[in-house]
Amino acid sequence: MDRQDFLSLYRHMLLIRRFEEKSAEMYALAKIAGFLHLYIGEEAIAVGAIAAIEPDDYVISSYRDHGHCLARGSDPRLVMAELFGKATGLCKGKGGSMHLVDAARNFMGGYAIVGGHLPLATGLAFAAQYQKRDQVVLCFFGEGALPTGQAHEAFNLAALWKLPVIFICENNRYGMGTPVKKAVALYSNIAETARSYGIPAERVDGMDVLAVQTLMCVIVPKVRSAQGPYFVEATTYRFMGHSMADPAHGHYRTKEEVEEERRRDPLALLRRTMLDQNLAGDADLKLVERDVTEAIAAAVKFADESPFPPRDALYEHVYDE
């Protein structure tokens, strides 16, 4: 990695952070409706993992999907317009926050049903294998998806057929307001869940983008060379509530706990590394921050000025046999 690689990682994480902060602001102003799940605190996982794959590879996510979509390279203007429910959005205003899709970049969507997209990731991997395409699938999900039946069906088939899929469990310790130790039997070592299916598994510090990228650069070539699926547990922490319907700290964790975890802010960790190792100076970082600020302002302006879909758009892209 050279200087520009580090700055690119920082820019992508900062873009996600500022996008999410602005989304919260727009939600409070009623510009965004419905549910809104923010990725603040978890940016290093999406950015580090997606930096290790090729443009032709697939990415699929759950309802906390803004970060993955932006890390994949989607235009923040189109993502914000989708959150606003506008016709210029990625899904023409029909998907909203939890159902972002950017097929042109092989970002195959966010899905609102917990664990519901894991079989889809397995299906994408099967299609790539069956058609002999040199692709891998990154599947992001929270630890709350592990007890679901479809997760185990997906693991079983992926292992049985040695499919090119990497299951990335973003373990932020809470499924909505439920601590992981009250919901997942193997909460102290989630990776064992995958190993029981014969899937190799690793644990990584999900607050350290360099650690995530380094691990993924080892795993991706293995999966791409038909060695079968992999499972990654990325330990992380969401700084906000489960969604905008949930207070910042919620009643299930203390303010002190959140403040303690914020000391390991992934953006601050990378910034400190770059400065300490002379990989970037204050002027470089300020330039990135200015660029991101302008990009977010342009995204909001574009979304705000875009039209809502017409009523007859309800009948478009609807299939009937």
Protein backbone atom coordinates (compact mmCIF):
# COMPACT_ATOMS: atom_id res chain seq x y z
CA MET A 1 0.00 0.00 0.00
CA ASP A 2 1.19 3.49 -0.80
CA ARG A 3 0.18 6.91 0.47
CA GLN A 4 -2.80 7.16 -1.88
CA ASP A 5 -4.13 3.77 -0.77
CA PHE A 6 -4.24 4.95 2.84
CA LEU A 7 -5.91 8.22 1.86
CA SER A 8 -8.46 6.28 -0.20
CA LEU A 9 -9.39 4.12 2.79
CA TYR A 10 -9.72 7.23 4.94
CA ARG A 11 -11.84 9.01 2.35
CA HIS A 12 -14.23 6.08 1.96
CA MET A 13 -14.71 5.75 5.72
CA LEU A 14 -15.16 9.49 6.16
CA LEU A 15 -17.65 9.59 3.29
CA ILE A 16 -19.74 6.92 5.01
CA ARG A 17 -19.50 8.69 8.38
CA ARG A 18 -20.55 12.08 7.02
CA PHE A 19 -23.26 10.52 4.86
CA GLU A 20 -24.75 8.78 7.89
CA GLU A 21 -24.55 11.88 10.05
CA LYS A 22 -26.30 13.90 7.36
CA SER A 23 -28.89 11.14 6.93
CA ALA A 24 -29.72 11.38 10.64
CA GLU A 25 -30.11 15.14 10.25
CA MET A 26 -32.38 14.73 7.22
CA TYR A 27 -34.45 12.14 9.09
CA ALA A 28 -34.99 14.62 11.92
CA LEU A 29 -36.17 17.15 9.32
CA ALA A 30 -38.63 14.57 7.90
CA LYS A 31 -36.81 14.51 4.56
CA ILE A 32 -36.29 10.78 5.07
CA ALA A 33 -39.18 8.57 6.21
CA GLY A 34 -39.54 4.99 7.37
CA PHE A 35 -36.74 3.13 9.08
CA LEU A 36 -33.13 4.34 9.06
CA HIS A 37 -30.28 2.18 10.40
CA LEU A 38 -26.93 3.95 10.59
CA TYR A 39 -23.48 2.40 10.09
CA ILE A 40 -21.60 4.87 12.30
CA GLY A 41 -18.76 3.07 14.08
CA GLU A 42 -18.65 0.10 11.72
CA GLU A 43 -17.17 1.80 8.64
CA ALA A 44 -13.84 -0.05 8.76
CA ILE A 45 -15.46 -3.41 7.97
CA ALA A 46 -17.17 -2.45 4.71
CA VAL A 47 -14.26 -0.32 3.50
CA GLY A 48 -11.53 -2.80 4.44
CA ALA A 49 -13.32 -5.84 3.03
CA ILE A 50 -14.54 -4.30 -0.21
CA ALA A 51 -11.09 -2.83 -0.89
CA ALA A 52 -9.83 -6.42 -1.22
CA ILE A 53 -12.18 -7.54 -4.03
CA GLU A 54 -12.57 -6.85 -7.75
CA PRO A 55 -15.27 -4.74 -9.47
CA ASP A 56 -16.85 -7.89 -10.92
CA ASP A 57 -17.34 -9.51 -7.50
CA TYR A 58 -20.67 -9.43 -5.67
CA VAL A 59 -21.59 -7.65 -2.44
CA ILE A 60 -24.83 -8.21 -0.52
CA SER A 61 -25.94 -6.78 2.81
CA SER A 62 -28.68 -6.49 5.40
CA TYR A 63 -30.78 -3.42 6.27
CA ARG A 64 -27.74 -1.49 7.64
CA ASP A 65 -26.57 -1.14 4.07
CA HIS A 66 -25.63 2.48 3.34
CA GLY A 67 -21.99 1.90 4.25
CA HIS A 68 -21.57 -1.17 2.06
CA CYS A 69 -23.26 0.54 -0.88
CA LEU A 70 -21.01 3.60 -0.63
CA ALA A 71 -17.89 1.50 -0.06
CA ARG A 72 -18.76 -0.35 -3.26
CA GLY A 73 -18.55 2.95 -5.12
CA SER A 74 -22.18 3.97 -5.52
CA ASP A 75 -22.81 7.64 -6.20
CA PRO A 76 -23.75 9.30 -2.87
CA ARG A 77 -26.20 11.55 -4.75
CA LEU A 78 -28.17 8.54 -5.97
CA VAL A 79 -28.03 6.87 -2.55
CA MET A 80 -29.28 9.99 -0.78
CA ALA A 81 -32.02 10.45 -3.39
CA GLU A 82 -33.15 6.89 -2.68
CA LEU A 83 -33.34 7.64 1.03
CA PHE A 84 -35.44 10.70 0.17
CA GLY A 85 -37.75 8.46 -1.88
CA LYS A 86 -37.02 10.37 -5.07
CA ALA A 87 -37.30 9.15 -8.66
CA THR A 88 -33.58 9.78 -9.22
CA GLY A 89 -32.58 7.32 -6.50
CA LEU A 90 -30.79 4.04 -7.09
CA CYS A 91 -34.12 2.21 -7.06
CA LYS A 92 -36.22 5.14 -8.32
CA GLY A 93 -37.38 5.88 -4.80
CA LYS A 94 -38.98 2.47 -4.25
CA GLY A 95 -36.31 0.79 -2.16
CA GLY A 96 -35.49 3.36 0.49
CA SER A 97 -32.90 2.94 3.20
CA MET A 98 -33.19 -0.81 3.76
CA HIS A 99 -33.36 -1.94 0.13
CA LEU A 100 -30.54 -0.20 -1.71
CA VAL A 101 -29.45 -1.96 -4.90
CA ASP A 102 -26.78 -0.95 -7.40
CA ALA A 103 -26.67 -3.79 -9.91
CA ALA A 104 -24.24 -1.91 -12.15
CA ARG A 105 -21.64 -2.30 -9.38
CA ASN A 106 -22.77 -5.79 -8.39
CA PHE A 107 -24.10 -4.47 -5.10
CA MET A 108 -27.03 -6.84 -4.95
CA GLY A 109 -28.96 -5.14 -2.22
CA GLY A 110 -29.77 -4.59 1.38
CA TYR A 111 -32.49 -6.80 2.85
CA ALA A 112 -34.80 -6.05 5.76
CA ILE A 113 -35.46 -9.62 6.93
CA VAL A 114 -32.79 -10.65 9.43
CA GLY A 115 -30.67 -13.38 7.84
CA GLY A 116 -32.93 -13.48 4.79
CA HIS A 117 -30.16 -12.56 2.37
CA LEU A 118 -27.70 -15.29 3.37
CA PRO A 119 -29.35 -17.85 1.04
CA LEU A 120 -29.27 -15.21 -1.69
CA ALA A 121 -25.52 -14.84 -1.19
CA THR A 122 -25.17 -18.60 -1.45
CA GLY A 123 -27.27 -18.51 -4.63
CA LEU A 124 -25.07 -15.82 -6.16
CA ALA A 125 -22.01 -17.90 -5.36
CA PHE A 126 -23.62 -20.99 -6.89
CA ALA A 127 -24.43 -19.05 -10.07
CA ALA A 128 -20.83 -17.82 -10.32
CA GLN A 129 -19.51 -21.35 -9.83
CA TYR A 130 -22.02 -22.95 -12.19
CA GLN A 131 -21.28 -20.46 -14.97
CA LYS A 132 -17.53 -20.73 -14.30
CA ARG A 133 -17.17 -17.03 -13.60
CA ASP A 134 -14.14 -15.94 -11.59
CA GLN A 135 -16.17 -14.15 -8.90
CA VAL A 136 -16.52 -14.16 -5.14
CA VAL A 137 -19.44 -12.98 -3.00
CA LEU A 138 -19.11 -10.87 0.15
CA CYS A 139 -22.12 -11.30 2.42
CA PHE A 140 -22.39 -8.84 5.33
CA PHE A 141 -24.74 -9.51 8.25
CA GLY A 142 -25.05 -8.94 11.98
CA GLU A 143 -24.57 -11.51 14.72
CA GLY A 144 -28.33 -11.44 15.28
CA ALA A 145 -28.74 -13.38 12.03
CA LEU A 146 -26.78 -16.40 13.28
CA PRO A 147 -29.63 -18.17 15.13
CA THR A 148 -31.92 -18.00 12.09
CA GLY A 149 -32.64 -21.19 10.20
CA GLN A 150 -31.82 -19.78 6.78
CA ALA A 151 -28.31 -18.87 7.95
CA HIS A 152 -27.55 -22.50 8.74
CA GLU A 153 -29.06 -23.69 5.46
CA ALA A 154 -26.86 -21.21 3.63
CA PHE A 155 -23.72 -22.31 5.52
CA ASN A 156 -24.48 -25.96 4.87
CA LEU A 157 -24.96 -25.60 1.10
CA ALA A 158 -21.99 -23.25 0.73
CA ALA A 159 -19.76 -25.76 2.50
CA LEU A 160 -21.24 -28.79 0.73
CA TRP A 161 -20.71 -27.34 -2.74
CA LYS A 162 -17.53 -25.35 -1.91
CA LEU A 163 -19.08 -22.11 -3.11
CA PRO A 164 -17.06 -18.87 -3.47
CA VAL A 165 -18.75 -16.87 -0.72
CA ILE A 166 -17.30 -15.06 2.28
CA PHE A 167 -19.73 -14.64 5.17
CA ILE A 168 -18.77 -11.52 7.14
CA CYS A 169 -20.46 -11.31 10.53
CA GLU A 170 -20.40 -7.74 11.83
CA ASN A 171 -20.60 -8.50 15.54
CA ASN A 172 -21.61 -5.21 17.15
CA ARG A 173 -22.71 -7.05 20.32
CA TYR A 174 -26.40 -6.11 20.15
CA GLY A 175 -29.22 -7.44 18.02
CA MET A 176 -31.56 -4.46 18.28
CA GLY A 177 -31.52 -4.16 22.09
CA THR A 178 -30.60 -7.76 22.91
CA PRO A 179 -26.99 -8.47 24.00
CA VAL A 180 -25.37 -11.19 21.93
CA LYS A 181 -24.82 -13.38 24.99
CA LYS A 182 -28.59 -13.60 25.45
CA ALA A 183 -29.27 -14.61 21.84
CA VAL A 184 -26.35 -16.64 20.48
CA ALA A 185 -25.22 -19.84 22.23
CA LEU A 186 -21.61 -19.54 21.02
CA TYR A 187 -21.43 -15.80 21.68
CA SER A 188 -17.88 -15.96 23.07
CA ASN A 189 -16.58 -17.50 19.83
CA ILE A 190 -19.03 -16.92 17.01
CA ALA A 191 -16.58 -18.29 14.46
CA GLU A 192 -17.21 -21.80 15.85
CA THR A 193 -20.68 -21.65 14.28
CA ALA A 194 -19.10 -21.79 10.83
CA ARG A 195 -16.42 -24.30 11.75
CA SER A 196 -19.14 -26.78 12.66
CA TYR A 197 -19.94 -26.88 8.93
CA GLY A 198 -16.31 -27.28 7.97
CA ILE A 199 -16.02 -23.63 6.95
CA PRO A 200 -12.68 -22.00 7.87
CA ALA A 201 -13.25 -19.01 10.12
CA GLU A 202 -11.25 -16.06 11.44
CA ARG A 203 -11.87 -13.26 13.89
CA VAL A 204 -10.66 -9.72 13.14
CA ASP A 205 -10.76 -6.33 14.84
CA GLY A 206 -13.54 -4.65 12.88
CA MET A 207 -12.53 -1.22 14.16
CA ASP A 208 -9.16 -1.48 12.37
CA VAL A 209 -9.58 -1.04 8.61
CA LEU A 210 -6.00 -2.17 7.94
CA ALA A 211 -6.52 -5.39 9.88
CA VAL A 212 -9.73 -6.09 7.96
CA GLN A 213 -8.15 -5.41 4.57
CA THR A 214 -5.04 -7.46 5.38
CA LEU A 215 -7.11 -10.48 6.40
CA MET A 216 -9.39 -10.18 3.38
CA CYS A 217 -6.42 -9.98 1.02
CA VAL A 218 -5.43 -13.42 2.32
CA ILE A 219 -8.91 -14.94 2.26
CA VAL A 220 -10.24 -13.66 -1.07
CA PRO A 221 -7.65 -15.46 -3.26
CA LYS A 222 -8.34 -18.72 -1.41
CA VAL A 223 -12.07 -18.47 -2.00
CA ARG A 224 -11.56 -17.37 -5.60
CA SER A 225 -9.39 -20.43 -6.28
CA ALA A 226 -12.30 -22.79 -5.49
CA GLN A 227 -11.21 -23.68 -1.97
CA GLY A 228 -14.73 -23.08 -0.69
CA PRO A 229 -16.44 -20.54 1.59
CA TYR A 230 -14.95 -18.60 4.48
CA PHE A 231 -16.41 -17.00 7.58
CA VAL A 232 -15.12 -13.79 9.17
CA GLU A 233 -16.24 -12.45 12.52
CA ALA A 234 -15.47 -8.73 12.61
CA THR A 235 -15.83 -7.42 16.15
CA THR A 236 -17.21 -3.90 16.10
CA TYR A 237 -19.57 -1.48 17.85
CA ARG A 238 -22.30 0.78 16.53
CA PHE A 239 -22.09 4.21 18.11
CA MET A 240 -25.73 5.04 17.44
CA GLY A 241 -28.88 3.17 18.39
CA HIS A 242 -30.24 0.24 16.43
CA SER A 243 -32.17 2.67 14.24
CA MET A 244 -33.40 6.25 14.37
CA ALA A 245 -36.38 4.92 16.30
CA ASP A 246 -33.96 3.93 19.07
CA PRO A 247 -32.25 6.55 21.29
CA ALA A 248 -28.52 7.00 20.74
CA HIS A 249 -27.64 4.77 23.68
CA GLY A 250 -30.89 2.94 24.25
CA HIS A 251 -31.96 1.47 27.57
CA TYR A 252 -29.90 -1.69 27.03
CA ARG A 253 -26.42 -0.15 27.32
CA THR A 254 -24.88 2.65 29.31
CA LYS A 255 -23.61 6.00 28.13
CA GLU A 256 -20.28 5.11 29.70
CA GLU A 257 -20.03 1.95 27.58
CA VAL A 258 -20.64 3.89 24.38
CA GLU A 259 -18.10 6.55 25.32
CA GLU A 260 -15.52 3.88 26.08
CA GLU A 261 -16.05 2.23 22.69
CA ARG A 262 -15.84 5.59 20.92
CA ARG A 263 -12.21 5.79 22.01
CA ARG A 264 -11.54 3.19 19.31
CA ASP A 265 -13.23 5.15 16.54
CA PRO A 266 -12.04 3.51 13.28
CA LEU A 267 -11.55 6.89 11.62
CA ALA A 268 -9.42 8.17 14.49
CA LEU A 269 -7.37 4.96 14.52
CA LEU A 270 -6.52 5.22 10.82
CA ARG A 271 -5.87 8.95 11.03
CA ARG A 272 -3.43 8.41 13.91
CA THR A 273 -1.64 5.64 12.01
CA MET A 274 -1.19 7.79 8.92
CA LEU A 275 0.12 10.75 10.90
CA ASP A 276 2.44 8.65 13.08
CA GLN A 277 3.93 6.86 10.06
CA ASN A 278 4.19 10.02 7.93
CA LEU A 279 1.76 8.57 5.40
CA ALA A 280 -0.27 11.78 5.39
CA GLY A 281 -0.11 15.23 6.86
CA ASP A 282 -2.77 17.49 8.31
CA ALA A 283 -3.05 19.27 4.96
CA ASP A 284 -3.76 15.96 3.17
CA LEU A 285 -6.46 15.01 5.64
CA LYS A 286 -8.07 18.44 5.52
CA LEU A 287 -8.21 18.19 1.74
CA VAL A 288 -10.01 14.83 2.01
CA GLU A 289 -12.40 16.26 4.59
CA ARG A 290 -13.21 19.23 2.35
CA ASP A 291 -13.81 16.94 -0.62
CA VAL A 292 -16.15 14.72 1.40
CA THR A 293 -18.02 17.71 2.84
CA GLU A 294 -18.64 18.99 -0.68
CA ALA A 295 -19.76 15.56 -1.90
CA ILE A 296 -22.30 15.22 0.92
CA ALA A 297 -23.63 18.74 0.36
CA ALA A 298 -24.04 17.94 -3.34
CA ALA A 299 -25.83 14.69 -2.49
CA VAL A 300 -28.37 16.45 -0.27
CA LYS A 301 -28.93 19.21 -2.83
CA PHE A 302 -29.47 16.66 -5.60
CA ALA A 303 -31.87 14.62 -3.49
CA ASP A 304 -33.81 17.63 -2.28
CA GLU A 305 -34.26 19.04 -5.78
CA SER A 306 -35.18 15.72 -7.40
CA PRO A 307 -38.84 14.89 -8.09
CA PHE A 308 -40.87 12.22 -6.35
CA PRO A 309 -41.94 9.29 -8.55
CA PRO A 310 -45.30 9.79 -10.31
CA ARG A 311 -48.26 7.73 -9.12
CA ASP A 312 -48.20 5.47 -12.16
CA ALA A 313 -44.65 4.40 -11.25
CA LEU A 314 -46.35 2.05 -8.79
CA TYR A 315 -47.19 -0.18 -11.73
CA GLU A 316 -43.71 -0.24 -13.25
CA HIS A 317 -41.37 -3.20 -12.71
CA VAL A 318 -44.22 -5.28 -11.29
CA TYR A 319 -44.48 -8.76 -12.72
CA ASP A 320 -47.62 -10.85 -13.03
CA GLU A 321 -47.86 -14.36 -14.46
